[in-house]
Protein backbone atom coordinates (compact mmCIF):
# COMPACT_ATOMS: atom_id res chain seq x y z
CA MET A 1 -0.01 -0.02 0.04
CA ALA A 2 2.93 2.31 0.81
CA MET A 3 4.37 1.76 -2.52
CA PHE A 4 1.18 2.41 -4.35
CA LYS A 5 0.91 5.66 -2.42
CA ARG A 6 4.40 6.66 -3.46
CA SER A 7 3.68 6.02 -7.07
CA THR A 8 0.39 7.99 -6.91
CA LYS A 9 2.18 10.94 -5.44
CA SER A 10 4.72 10.87 -8.28
CA ALA A 11 2.15 10.81 -10.93
CA LYS A 12 0.74 14.04 -9.38
CA GLY A 13 4.03 15.69 -8.76
CA PHE A 14 6.75 14.42 -10.90
CA ASP A 15 10.33 14.56 -9.49
CA TRP A 16 12.02 16.64 -12.22
CA ALA A 17 14.77 17.66 -10.15
CA GLY A 18 15.51 13.91 -9.55
CA LEU A 19 15.54 13.41 -13.40
CA GLY A 20 17.75 16.46 -13.64
CA TRP A 21 20.47 15.11 -11.26
CA MET A 22 20.19 11.67 -12.93
CA PHE A 23 20.87 13.13 -16.40
CA LEU A 24 23.54 15.45 -15.05
CA PHE A 25 25.48 12.37 -13.61
CA PHE A 26 25.13 10.41 -16.77
CA TRP A 27 26.04 13.38 -19.08
CA TYR A 28 29.27 14.28 -16.84
CA PHE A 29 31.33 11.33 -18.18
CA SER A 30 30.80 12.63 -21.89
CA GLY A 31 30.27 16.07 -21.30
CA ILE A 32 33.26 17.19 -19.52
CA THR A 33 35.68 16.29 -22.31
CA GLN A 34 33.35 17.82 -24.72
CA LEU A 35 33.11 20.82 -22.64
CA LEU A 36 36.85 21.34 -22.67
CA ILE A 37 36.98 20.76 -26.28
CA GLN A 38 34.66 23.62 -26.76
CA LEU A 39 36.40 25.97 -24.34
CA THR A 40 39.68 25.37 -25.84
CA GLY A 41 38.26 25.71 -29.47
CA THR A 42 39.80 22.44 -30.30
CA SER A 43 36.78 21.28 -32.52
CA GLY A 44 33.26 22.27 -33.32
CA PHE A 45 29.83 22.12 -31.43
CA SER A 46 28.71 18.98 -33.04
CA GLY A 47 30.36 16.59 -30.73
CA PHE A 48 29.22 18.54 -27.57
CA ARG A 49 25.56 18.20 -29.07
CA GLN A 50 25.62 14.54 -29.92
CA ALA A 51 27.03 13.80 -26.34
CA PHE A 52 24.18 15.64 -24.90
CA PHE A 53 21.55 13.70 -26.54
CA MET A 54 23.22 10.22 -26.14
CA SER A 55 23.53 10.77 -22.46
CA ALA A 56 19.81 10.85 -21.99
CA LEU A 57 19.75 7.21 -23.10
CA TRP A 58 20.72 5.88 -19.86
CA LEU A 59 17.43 7.46 -18.34
CA ALA A 60 15.65 4.72 -19.88
CA PRO A 61 16.49 1.84 -17.45
CA MET A 62 16.52 4.20 -14.51
CA LEU A 63 12.71 4.86 -15.11
CA LEU A 64 11.95 1.18 -15.52
CA PHE A 65 13.75 0.07 -12.47
CA PRO A 66 13.48 2.91 -10.03
CA ARG A 67 14.11 0.78 -6.95
CA ARG A 68 17.55 -0.07 -8.35
CA ALA A 69 18.23 3.37 -9.52
CA ARG A 70 21.25 3.88 -7.18
CA LEU A 71 22.83 0.48 -8.12
CA LEU A 72 22.11 0.83 -11.89
CA ALA A 73 23.61 4.29 -11.65
CA ALA A 74 26.84 2.96 -9.89
CA LEU A 75 27.12 -0.06 -12.47
CA ILE A 76 26.66 2.07 -15.58
CA GLY A 77 28.76 4.83 -13.92
CA VAL A 78 31.74 2.75 -13.40
CA VAL A 79 31.86 1.86 -17.21
CA LEU A 80 31.24 5.37 -18.09
CA TRP A 81 33.99 6.58 -15.58
CA ALA A 82 36.49 3.99 -17.03
CA CYS A 83 35.89 5.21 -20.59
CA SER A 84 35.85 9.05 -19.67
CA MET A 85 39.28 8.73 -17.76
CA ALA A 86 40.84 7.27 -21.17
CA SER A 87 39.28 10.02 -23.27
CA LEU A 88 39.88 12.87 -20.93
CA GLY A 89 43.40 11.69 -20.11
CA TYR A 90 44.08 11.64 -23.85
CA PHE A 91 42.76 15.12 -24.16
CA PHE A 92 44.97 16.39 -21.52
CA ILE A 93 47.99 15.11 -23.20
CA TYR A 94 47.33 15.64 -26.80
CA GLN A 95 44.51 18.29 -26.87
CA GLN A 96 42.77 15.86 -29.27
CA GLU A 97 39.53 13.77 -29.22
CA PHE A 98 39.67 10.02 -28.59
CA SER A 99 39.18 8.10 -32.00
CA GLN A 100 39.83 4.83 -33.67
CA SER A 101 43.30 6.38 -34.58
CA VAL A 102 44.32 6.26 -31.02
CA ILE A 103 43.67 2.58 -30.92
CA PHE A 104 45.74 1.91 -33.85
CA ILE A 105 48.65 3.78 -32.27
CA MET A 106 48.12 1.87 -29.11
CA PHE A 107 48.17 -1.55 -30.68
CA GLU A 108 51.12 -0.50 -33.05
CA SER A 109 53.15 0.45 -29.92
CA ASN A 110 55.25 -1.95 -27.91
CA ILE A 111 55.65 -2.09 -24.20
CA SER A 112 58.89 0.01 -24.39
CA GLU A 113 57.32 2.59 -26.33
CA ALA A 114 54.32 2.81 -24.00
CA GLY A 115 56.70 3.31 -21.13
CA GLU A 116 58.59 6.01 -22.94
CA TYR A 117 55.10 7.86 -23.57
CA ALA A 118 54.14 7.47 -19.93
CA THR A 119 57.46 9.05 -18.72
CA GLN A 120 57.43 11.78 -21.24
CA TYR A 121 53.86 12.91 -20.35
CA PHE A 122 53.47 12.20 -16.94
CA ALA A 123 52.50 15.29 -14.92
CA TRP A 124 51.42 15.41 -11.42
CA TRP A 125 48.51 17.76 -12.21
CA ILE A 126 47.06 15.01 -14.52
CA VAL A 127 46.84 12.90 -11.36
CA LEU A 128 45.13 15.64 -9.50
CA ALA A 129 42.69 16.34 -12.43
CA PHE A 130 41.83 12.56 -12.32
CA ILE A 131 41.31 12.56 -8.74
CA ALA A 132 39.02 15.77 -8.98
CA HIS A 133 37.28 14.08 -11.92
CA THR A 134 36.49 10.94 -9.88
CA ALA A 135 35.37 12.89 -6.85
CA LEU A 136 33.04 14.96 -8.82
CA ALA A 137 31.43 11.69 -10.26
CA ILE A 138 30.97 10.31 -6.86
CA PHE A 139 29.32 13.42 -5.70
CA LEU A 140 26.98 13.43 -8.55
CA TRP A 141 26.16 9.68 -7.83
CA THR A 142 25.21 10.72 -4.41
CA ARG A 143 22.58 13.02 -5.76
CA VAL A 144 20.89 10.36 -7.84
CA ARG A 145 17.73 9.26 -6.37
CA PRO A 146 14.71 7.02 -7.64
CA VAL A 147 12.16 8.75 -9.80
CA TYR A 148 8.92 6.92 -9.71
CA LEU A 149 6.23 6.65 -12.52
CA PRO A 150 3.44 4.35 -12.86
CA LYS A 151 4.62 1.39 -14.61
CA ALA A 152 2.63 2.02 -17.72
CA ARG A 153 4.11 5.56 -17.94
CA ALA A 154 7.54 4.30 -16.99
CA MET A 155 7.48 2.00 -19.98
CA VAL A 156 6.01 4.69 -22.49
CA ALA A 157 8.66 7.22 -21.44
CA ALA A 158 11.55 4.71 -21.65
CA THR A 159 10.37 3.70 -25.18
CA VAL A 160 10.18 7.28 -26.35
CA ILE A 161 13.64 7.99 -24.97
CA VAL A 162 15.07 5.05 -26.88
CA LEU A 163 13.16 5.62 -30.09
CA ALA A 164 14.09 9.37 -30.16
CA ILE A 165 17.76 8.79 -29.41
CA VAL A 166 18.41 5.64 -31.20
CA GLY A 167 15.49 4.62 -33.30
CA TYR A 168 14.78 7.81 -35.13
CA PRO A 169 18.34 8.56 -36.03
CA LEU A 170 18.99 5.07 -37.19
CA VAL A 171 15.88 4.85 -39.18
CA LYS A 172 16.73 8.28 -40.75
CA GLN A 173 20.45 7.12 -41.72
CA ILE A 174 18.88 4.01 -43.51
CA ALA A 175 16.29 6.00 -45.32
CA THR A 176 18.95 8.70 -46.47
CA ASN A 177 21.73 6.33 -47.58
CA ASP A 178 21.93 3.84 -50.35
CA THR A 179 23.46 1.13 -48.45
CA LEU A 180 23.20 -0.25 -44.85
CA GLU A 181 26.90 0.11 -44.40
CA ARG A 182 26.83 3.91 -44.96
CA ALA A 183 23.78 4.01 -42.79
CA ILE A 184 25.44 2.38 -39.88
CA ASP A 185 28.52 4.42 -40.31
CA GLY A 186 26.65 7.64 -40.30
CA PHE A 187 24.72 6.45 -37.03
CA GLU A 188 27.99 5.55 -35.33
CA THR A 189 29.53 9.10 -36.09
CA ARG A 190 26.29 10.46 -34.23
CA VAL A 191 26.79 8.54 -31.06
CA GLU A 192 30.72 8.35 -31.11
CA PRO A 193 31.28 11.38 -28.94
CA ALA A 194 29.62 9.77 -26.01
CA VAL A 195 31.14 7.36 -23.92
CA PRO A 196 31.19 4.15 -23.93
CA TRP A 197 30.26 4.41 -27.59
CA GLN A 198 33.32 6.45 -28.13
CA MET A 199 35.41 3.27 -27.33
CA ILE A 200 33.10 0.74 -28.83
CA VAL A 201 32.81 2.68 -32.18
CA ALA A 202 36.40 3.47 -32.30
CA TYR A 203 37.46 -0.29 -31.91
CA ARG A 204 35.03 -1.52 -34.28
CA ARG A 205 36.05 1.12 -36.86
CA TYR A 206 39.59 0.22 -36.21
CA THR A 207 39.20 -3.56 -36.78
CA GLN A 208 37.27 -2.76 -39.93
CA GLN A 209 40.02 -0.41 -41.23
CA LEU A 210 42.96 -2.65 -40.32
CA ASN A 211 41.33 -5.43 -42.36
CA ASN A 212 40.98 -3.19 -45.33
CA MET A 213 44.60 -2.06 -44.83
CA GLN A 214 45.91 -5.48 -44.46
CA GLY A 215 44.22 -6.53 -47.45
CA MET A 216 45.85 -3.61 -49.33
CA LEU A 217 49.34 -4.49 -47.80
CA ASP A 218 48.91 -8.25 -48.84
CA ASN A 219 48.26 -6.90 -52.44
CA VAL A 220 51.29 -4.55 -52.29
CA SER A 221 53.45 -7.33 -51.19
CA LYS A 222 52.61 -9.28 -54.15
CA ILE A 223 53.63 -6.47 -56.46
CA PRO A 224 56.80 -7.47 -58.42
CA PRO A 225 59.87 -5.13 -58.10
CA LEU A 226 60.76 -2.83 -61.06
CA SER A 227 62.66 -4.47 -63.82
CA ASN A 228 66.24 -3.85 -64.67
CA PHE A 229 66.57 -1.44 -61.68
CA LYS A 230 69.61 0.50 -61.49
CA ASP A 231 70.93 3.41 -59.09
CA SER A 232 73.53 5.87 -60.20
CA MET A 233 73.92 6.79 -56.63
CA ALA A 234 74.48 3.21 -55.33
CA GLY A 235 76.76 2.99 -52.43
CA GLN A 236 76.70 6.78 -51.80
CA PRO A 237 75.21 8.37 -48.55
CA SER A 238 72.17 10.32 -49.47
CA THR A 239 69.01 11.66 -47.74
CA LEU A 240 66.05 12.66 -49.77
CA VAL A 241 62.91 14.28 -48.46
CA LEU A 242 59.22 14.30 -49.88
CA VAL A 243 56.92 16.84 -48.42
CA ILE A 244 53.32 16.41 -49.32
CA GLY A 245 51.13 19.50 -48.52
CA GLU A 246 47.41 19.61 -48.32
CA SER A 247 44.71 21.89 -49.91
CA THR A 248 47.11 24.59 -50.88
CA ASN A 249 46.55 26.71 -53.83
CA ARG A 250 49.62 28.28 -55.17
CA GLN A 251 47.53 31.20 -56.30
CA ARG A 252 47.44 32.26 -52.53
CA MET A 253 51.09 32.12 -52.03
CA SER A 254 53.34 35.35 -52.39
CA LEU A 255 56.12 33.12 -53.95
CA TYR A 256 53.85 32.77 -56.82
CA GLY A 257 52.81 36.58 -57.09
CA TYR A 258 49.99 36.83 -54.67
CA PRO A 259 49.83 40.39 -53.43
CA ARG A 260 49.54 39.56 -49.72
CA LYS A 261 52.86 38.25 -48.00
CA THR A 262 51.43 34.84 -47.25
CA THR A 263 54.95 33.06 -47.79
CA PRO A 264 57.61 35.44 -46.47
CA GLU A 265 59.86 32.66 -45.37
CA LEU A 266 59.91 30.84 -48.68
CA ASP A 267 60.39 34.19 -50.48
CA LYS A 268 63.46 34.62 -48.49
CA LEU A 269 64.63 31.19 -49.65
CA ARG A 270 63.54 32.04 -53.37
CA ASP A 271 66.98 32.22 -54.92
CA GLN A 272 67.85 28.60 -53.33
CA LEU A 273 64.48 26.99 -54.74
CA ASP A 274 63.40 25.69 -58.12
CA VAL A 275 59.66 26.95 -58.15
CA PHE A 276 57.62 25.46 -60.83
CA ASP A 277 54.69 27.45 -61.66
CA ASN A 278 52.69 25.29 -64.13
CA VAL A 279 52.02 22.16 -62.31
CA ILE A 280 48.43 20.91 -61.57
CA THR A 281 47.01 18.04 -59.52
CA PRO A 282 44.83 15.48 -61.47
CA ARG A 283 41.94 15.24 -58.91
CA PRO A 284 41.04 17.65 -56.14
CA TYR A 285 40.63 15.20 -53.31
CA THR A 286 43.59 13.57 -51.34
CA ILE A 287 43.11 10.03 -51.62
CA GLU A 288 42.31 10.11 -55.36
CA ALA A 289 45.22 12.39 -56.09
CA LEU A 290 47.76 10.48 -54.08
CA GLN A 291 46.87 7.17 -55.67
CA GLN A 292 48.31 8.68 -58.62
CA VAL A 293 51.03 10.93 -57.34
CA LEU A 294 52.69 8.27 -55.39
CA THR A 295 52.53 5.44 -57.93
CA PHE A 296 52.57 4.86 -61.63
CA ALA A 297 48.82 5.41 -61.89
CA ASP A 298 47.38 8.41 -63.85
CA GLU A 299 44.08 9.60 -65.18
CA GLU A 300 44.06 7.31 -68.14
CA HIS A 301 45.35 4.38 -66.00
CA PRO A 302 43.80 5.09 -62.75
CA ASP A 303 44.04 1.41 -61.15
CA LEU A 304 47.69 1.09 -61.46
CA TYR A 305 48.14 1.95 -57.93
CA LEU A 306 46.94 -1.51 -57.32
CA LYS A 307 49.46 -3.24 -59.65
CA THR A 308 52.75 -1.12 -59.49
CA PRO A 309 55.22 -0.11 -56.79
CA SER A 310 54.90 3.21 -54.90
CA ILE A 311 57.62 5.76 -54.48
CA VAL A 312 58.25 4.39 -51.10
CA SER A 313 58.62 0.78 -52.45
CA MET A 314 60.69 2.06 -55.25
CA MET A 315 63.12 3.84 -52.84
CA LYS A 316 63.36 0.58 -50.75
CA GLN A 317 64.34 -1.41 -53.74
CA ALA A 318 67.22 1.31 -53.96
CA GLY A 319 68.36 0.46 -50.57
CA TYR A 320 66.91 3.47 -48.80
CA LYS A 321 65.67 3.24 -45.06
CA THR A 322 62.23 4.91 -45.44
CA PHE A 323 60.36 7.06 -42.91
CA TRP A 324 56.67 8.39 -43.08
CA ILE A 325 55.87 11.25 -40.82
CA THR A 326 52.27 12.26 -40.91
CA ASN A 327 49.92 14.88 -39.54
CA GLN A 328 46.99 13.57 -41.35
CA GLN A 329 44.35 11.65 -39.67
CA THR A 330 45.43 7.78 -39.38
CA MET A 331 42.75 5.29 -39.32
CA THR A 332 39.59 6.65 -40.86
CA LYS A 333 37.43 5.19 -43.56
CA ARG A 334 38.88 7.85 -46.10
CA ASN A 335 42.45 7.58 -44.86
CA THR A 336 42.98 3.79 -44.87
CA MET A 337 44.84 4.29 -48.25
CA LEU A 338 47.08 6.96 -46.77
CA THR A 339 47.96 4.49 -44.03
CA THR A 340 48.57 1.82 -46.32
CA PHE A 341 51.11 4.09 -47.98
CA SER A 342 52.72 4.94 -44.72
CA GLU A 343 52.84 1.15 -43.52
CA GLN A 344 55.09 0.53 -46.48
CA ALA A 345 57.84 2.53 -44.91
CA ASP A 346 60.33 1.11 -42.35
CA GLU A 347 59.25 3.57 -39.65
CA GLN A 348 56.21 5.79 -39.16
CA VAL A 349 55.16 8.64 -36.86
CA TYR A 350 51.45 9.38 -36.71
CA LEU A 351 50.78 12.70 -35.11
CA ASN A 352 47.09 13.24 -35.68
CA ASN A 353 44.44 11.02 -33.92
CA ASN A 354 41.61 13.36 -33.83
CA ARG A 355 38.15 12.14 -34.61
CA ASN A 356 37.41 14.48 -37.34
CA GLN A 357 39.25 16.95 -39.58
CA ASN A 358 37.43 19.98 -37.99
CA ALA A 359 39.91 19.97 -35.03
CA ARG A 360 42.90 22.14 -34.07
CA GLN A 361 46.00 20.38 -35.39
CA TYR A 362 49.20 22.08 -36.13
CA ASP A 363 51.85 21.06 -38.59
CA GLY A 364 54.61 22.33 -36.45
CA ASP A 365 54.36 19.01 -34.57
CA VAL A 366 56.13 17.42 -37.64
CA LEU A 367 59.49 19.23 -37.04
CA GLU A 368 60.60 17.33 -33.94
CA PRO A 369 60.26 13.66 -35.60
CA PHE A 370 61.74 15.16 -38.86
CA THR A 371 64.89 16.21 -36.96
CA LYS A 372 65.04 12.87 -35.47
CA ALA A 373 64.62 10.97 -38.72
CA LEU A 374 67.29 13.10 -40.12
CA ALA A 375 69.71 12.18 -37.23
CA ASP A 376 69.14 8.37 -37.89
CA LYS A 377 72.48 6.44 -38.53
CA ALA A 378 71.12 4.86 -41.90
CA GLU A 379 73.54 6.09 -44.56
CA ARG A 380 70.58 6.24 -47.37
CA LYS A 381 67.31 7.67 -46.06
CA LEU A 382 63.84 8.62 -47.63
CA ILE A 383 61.58 10.85 -45.40
CA VAL A 384 58.16 11.49 -46.37
CA VAL A 385 56.40 14.35 -44.60
CA HIS A 386 52.73 14.43 -44.93
CA LEU A 387 51.16 17.61 -43.75
CA LEU A 388 47.62 18.81 -42.81
CA GLY A 389 48.38 22.07 -44.68
CA THR A 390 45.60 24.34 -45.20
CA HIS A 391 42.89 21.91 -44.90
CA MET A 392 39.53 23.29 -44.05
CA SER A 393 38.50 24.38 -41.35
CA TYR A 394 41.29 26.67 -42.02
CA GLN A 395 41.08 28.54 -38.40
CA TYR A 396 42.10 25.32 -36.92
CA ARG A 397 45.35 25.12 -39.04
CA TYR A 398 47.41 27.89 -37.39
CA PRO A 399 48.28 29.24 -33.94
CA PRO A 400 46.90 32.52 -32.76
CA SER A 401 50.32 34.12 -33.28
CA PHE A 402 49.87 33.56 -37.04
CA ASP A 403 46.43 35.41 -37.11
CA THR A 404 47.82 38.05 -39.28
CA PHE A 405 45.26 38.67 -41.92
CA THR A 406 42.18 40.16 -40.38
CA ASP A 407 40.96 43.11 -42.62
CA ARG A 408 40.27 43.65 -46.36
CA GLN A 409 43.55 44.94 -47.22
CA GLY A 410 44.76 42.92 -50.28
CA VAL A 411 41.47 41.17 -50.61
CA PRO A 412 39.53 41.09 -54.03
CA ASP A 413 36.57 43.21 -54.39
CA GLY A 414 34.48 40.30 -55.09
CA VAL A 415 34.81 38.78 -51.74
CA ASN A 416 31.84 40.13 -49.65
CA ASP A 417 31.78 40.47 -45.77
CA ASP A 418 30.19 37.28 -44.89
CA GLN A 419 33.11 35.47 -46.66
CA LEU A 420 35.94 37.64 -45.53
CA PRO A 421 36.85 35.64 -42.27
CA THR A 422 37.08 32.55 -44.29
CA TYR A 423 39.12 34.15 -46.92
CA ASN A 424 41.36 35.66 -44.37
CA SER A 425 41.80 32.37 -42.32
CA TYR A 426 42.80 30.59 -45.37
CA ASP A 427 45.59 33.24 -45.87
CA ASN A 428 46.66 32.73 -42.47
CA ALA A 429 46.90 28.98 -42.85
CA VAL A 430 48.99 29.42 -45.94
CA LEU A 431 51.16 31.71 -43.85
CA TYR A 432 51.46 29.03 -41.18
CA ASN A 433 52.31 26.51 -43.85
CA ASP A 434 55.04 28.69 -45.15
CA PHE A 435 56.68 28.50 -41.65
CA VAL A 436 56.43 24.79 -41.61
CA VAL A 437 57.74 24.12 -45.04
CA SER A 438 60.45 26.61 -44.68
CA SER A 439 61.48 25.16 -41.49
CA LEU A 440 61.80 21.79 -42.90
CA ILE A 441 64.06 23.02 -45.54
CA LYS A 442 66.14 25.00 -43.03
CA ASP A 443 66.39 22.01 -40.79
CA TYR A 444 67.31 19.63 -43.56
CA ALA A 445 69.88 22.05 -44.93
CA LYS A 446 71.51 22.23 -41.32
CA THR A 447 72.48 18.54 -41.60
CA ASP A 448 74.70 19.16 -44.71
CA PRO A 449 72.91 16.43 -46.62
CA ASN A 450 73.79 14.98 -49.89
CA GLY A 451 70.35 15.25 -51.55
CA PHE A 452 67.23 17.15 -52.34
CA LEU A 453 63.88 18.21 -50.94
CA LEU A 454 60.68 18.30 -52.97
CA TYR A 455 57.56 19.99 -51.83
CA LEU A 456 54.13 19.78 -53.67
CA SER A 457 50.55 19.89 -52.41
CA ASP A 458 48.12 17.04 -52.96
CA HIS A 459 45.52 19.46 -54.61
CA GLY A 460 44.35 23.09 -54.34
CA GLU A 461 41.48 24.75 -52.69
CA ASP A 462 38.96 27.42 -54.15
CA VAL A 463 38.36 29.88 -51.18
CA PHE A 464 36.35 32.55 -52.96
CA ASP A 465 39.03 32.89 -55.65
CA SER A 466 36.82 32.36 -58.59
CA ALA A 467 35.03 35.62 -58.93
CA GLY A 468 31.11 35.64 -59.63
CA HIS A 469 30.35 32.35 -57.83
CA GLY A 470 31.62 32.24 -54.30
CA THR A 471 33.00 28.76 -54.59
CA LEU A 472 34.38 27.42 -51.29
CA GLY A 473 36.26 23.97 -51.08
CA ARG A 474 36.61 21.38 -54.08
CA ASN A 475 33.86 19.88 -56.24
CA GLU A 476 35.24 17.90 -59.12
CA GLY A 477 31.85 18.04 -60.84
CA LYS A 478 32.05 21.95 -61.05
CA PRO A 479 35.74 22.30 -61.40
CA THR A 480 37.69 25.62 -60.97
CA ALA A 481 41.42 26.42 -61.48
CA PRO A 482 42.35 27.05 -57.93
CA MET A 483 41.28 23.47 -57.01
CA TYR A 484 44.01 22.14 -59.20
CA THR A 485 46.65 24.74 -59.12
CA ILE A 486 49.47 23.58 -56.54
CA PRO A 487 52.95 24.71 -55.54
CA PHE A 488 55.70 22.57 -56.64
CA MET A 489 59.29 23.25 -55.69
CA THR A 490 62.50 21.56 -55.07
CA TRP A 491 65.64 22.49 -52.84
CA ALA A 492 69.01 20.81 -53.47
CA SER A 493 71.90 20.63 -51.04
CA PRO A 494 75.31 22.02 -52.33
CA LYS A 495 76.90 18.56 -52.22
CA TRP A 496 74.13 17.20 -54.54
CA ARG A 497 74.29 20.26 -56.81
CA ALA A 498 78.11 19.60 -57.37
CA THR A 499 77.54 16.12 -58.48
CA HIS A 500 74.25 16.67 -60.67
CA ASP A 501 73.26 18.59 -63.55
CA TRP A 502 70.60 20.70 -61.35
CA ASN A 503 70.04 23.73 -63.73
CA MET A 504 66.22 23.72 -63.95
CA GLN A 505 65.47 27.28 -64.82
CA GLY A 506 64.32 26.12 -68.48
CA ASP A 507 62.02 23.69 -66.84
CA VAL A 508 59.92 25.76 -64.37
CA GLN A 509 57.28 26.76 -66.75
CA ARG A 510 56.58 23.26 -68.30
CA PRO A 511 53.09 22.21 -68.04
CA TYR A 512 52.96 19.20 -65.73
CA SER A 513 50.61 16.99 -63.93
CA SER A 514 51.61 15.49 -60.30
CA SER A 515 50.24 12.26 -61.59
CA GLN A 516 53.44 11.81 -63.33
CA LEU A 517 55.56 12.60 -60.11
CA ILE A 518 57.14 9.15 -59.76
CA HIS A 519 58.77 9.50 -62.99
CA THR A 520 60.36 12.87 -62.01
CA TRP A 521 61.29 11.48 -58.53
CA ALA A 522 63.05 8.71 -59.98
CA ASP A 523 64.82 10.89 -62.49
CA LEU A 524 66.16 13.29 -59.91
CA ALA A 525 67.35 10.55 -57.42
CA GLY A 526 69.18 8.90 -60.28
CA LEU A 527 67.37 5.63 -60.74
CA SER A 528 66.47 3.85 -63.95
CA PHE A 529 64.25 0.81 -64.79
CA ASP A 530 62.21 -0.45 -67.54
CA GLU A 531 59.02 1.20 -66.32
CA LEU A 532 60.63 4.64 -66.29
CA ASP A 533 59.35 7.13 -68.80
CA ARG A 534 61.60 10.12 -69.07
CA SER A 535 59.22 11.97 -71.13
CA ARG A 536 57.07 11.99 -68.14
CA SER A 537 59.82 13.47 -66.09
CA LEU A 538 59.53 17.34 -65.43
CA VAL A 539 63.25 17.80 -65.38
CA SER A 540 64.37 15.42 -68.21
CA ASP A 541 65.50 16.70 -71.58
CA SER A 542 63.31 13.88 -72.95
CA PHE A 543 60.32 15.67 -71.38
CA LYS A 544 57.13 15.93 -73.61
CA PRO A 545 54.26 18.21 -72.87
CA ARG A 546 50.74 16.26 -72.67
CA PRO A 547 47.23 17.53 -72.07
CA LEU A 548 46.78 18.05 -68.38
CA LEU A 549 43.86 15.91 -67.72
CA ILE A 550 41.63 16.21 -64.58
CA GLY A 551 38.29 14.65 -63.78
CA ASP A 552 36.98 11.51 -62.39
CA PRO A 553 38.55 8.67 -64.55
CA TYR A 554 35.97 6.13 -63.25
CA GLN A 555 33.20 8.12 -64.60
CA ARG A 556 31.78 6.67 -67.96
CA PRO A 557 32.21 7.69 -70.55
CA GLN A 558 35.67 8.54 -70.00
CA LYS A 559 34.86 11.95 -71.69
CA ALA A 560 34.56 13.19 -68.12
CA LEU A 561 38.22 13.84 -68.28
CA ILE A 562 38.95 17.31 -69.73
CA ASP A 563 42.11 19.24 -70.32
CA PHE A 564 42.86 21.62 -67.56
CA SER A 565 43.80 24.37 -70.06
CA LEU A 566 40.20 24.43 -70.98
CA ILE A 567 39.11 25.73 -67.50
CA LYS A 568 38.47 29.32 -67.21
CA PRO A 569 38.14 30.59 -63.52
CA LYS A 570 35.37 33.00 -64.37
CA ALA A 571 33.28 30.82 -66.66
CA SER A 572 31.05 29.44 -64.03
CA THR A 573 28.48 31.65 -62.17
CA VAL A 574 26.72 28.66 -60.44
CA PRO A 575 27.91 28.40 -56.76
CA ALA A 576 29.37 25.05 -55.98
CA ASN A 577 28.84 22.97 -53.01
CA VAL A 578 31.57 22.41 -50.53
CA VAL A 579 33.22 19.13 -50.86
CA VAL A 580 36.21 18.13 -48.65
CA GLN A 581 38.18 15.18 -48.12
């Protein structure tokens, strides 16, 4: 009878305060990290919003079993606490959000490396923060109390919660995606910011991408080596560096004549550089472009990346120890191909383990591992450095000290006031990219190497450059010149110049597609083999100009491929949708 009275009372005056404490307890474990991400400007608002809604899911069992409210909250809370400690600790150390990339790094590290990380990043304040985090969680648990509803109403309320938070979003994803796999992927992205789903989704995606990558690596291992391979530098110590940029349009670099001083450091090095001003990328997306840039594939033979060696494999065949240092995301569905390229190297350094690209991540992080690779005792080294460059969101690509361009000075009249902040932030990102690339060159030069450094971007970016249609980003279906025009430059050491014909001034204006890079790289490195076509080498006397093809080579008919020379930046007046990697 007493219980009946208590239920009747709750029906008349619902305990909203009790429900609020309950929600706050569950939200705390996901929300504290997402709140820190917001306050530090590390990423956008979507993670905070998604974690907020997902935390309400735990109210369902609490309403169904009010007598066990404290016990249920404790059991669920312990799991959430453990997961939150991992994600919070990772944020404290790296200022990044936990993702499947973190699990990849954890499983790729051995016990010794794990111990080194722990020693390097250990700080007493982190221990104190964990204690405070745990203490506040316990305090919130003491506030949890049963919230009673009549059984029928409790069932309805719990069902509504589950349908609203899980059922509706899942059904929506299924309805708006053409495959169940994509629907599940979209749903996982929605729930991922909240613990414990963060760990569950991260591990599932890690195993999925690992299997995909392993299949690619198995395929790579079956690719035969290059035929009749010869190295004119055989037996000589040398260090070669390939720097791959991201989303950088050369038209926004003062090195290429842009009126704003966006590349002051490279401008100072101008006399030491060979700056090529007529190079384009075949495709405006990272993966699709690098499948051609790093292999023998091109627009007319796009699948050759599956059948022929990459630059890394080629240099290993020449006896080079290979390093891959990347500030790109590691294990995402899109970036599995990039990780496959990196895993072909002898040593890898993965710096960016953010869950999404719209997170603060600076390329200056590559400088320390680059210096370490330069100091490696191997006599012959290839070091690949893959930057995040000027990838949107641009404001996350540079520290506050590089927030230089803030007004309209030097901005084209066609850029309106709404577009101005984005336009300026891109120029600031280019400015910081200049600092990073020039620092890599300077650090390389300090070692007095025998070799050269080549820098290019994977593709460009249109940031309101094409007057009349306000294009932002990249869209292969509506191409504009800035999406394809990329920086391409080389720096050679005095030792290398002394033993090589390095006069390229007559070559810098040659029309060239980066899809042919492997031929140029082999030529520069002094390699020869049957598959080498010197007519495709930008620096060869045998160079033959070809149409600069762009477009999706898998689209039928193949007439989708067009000559880049036909693109006129002012031709289109239709706004293009933003398309990013």
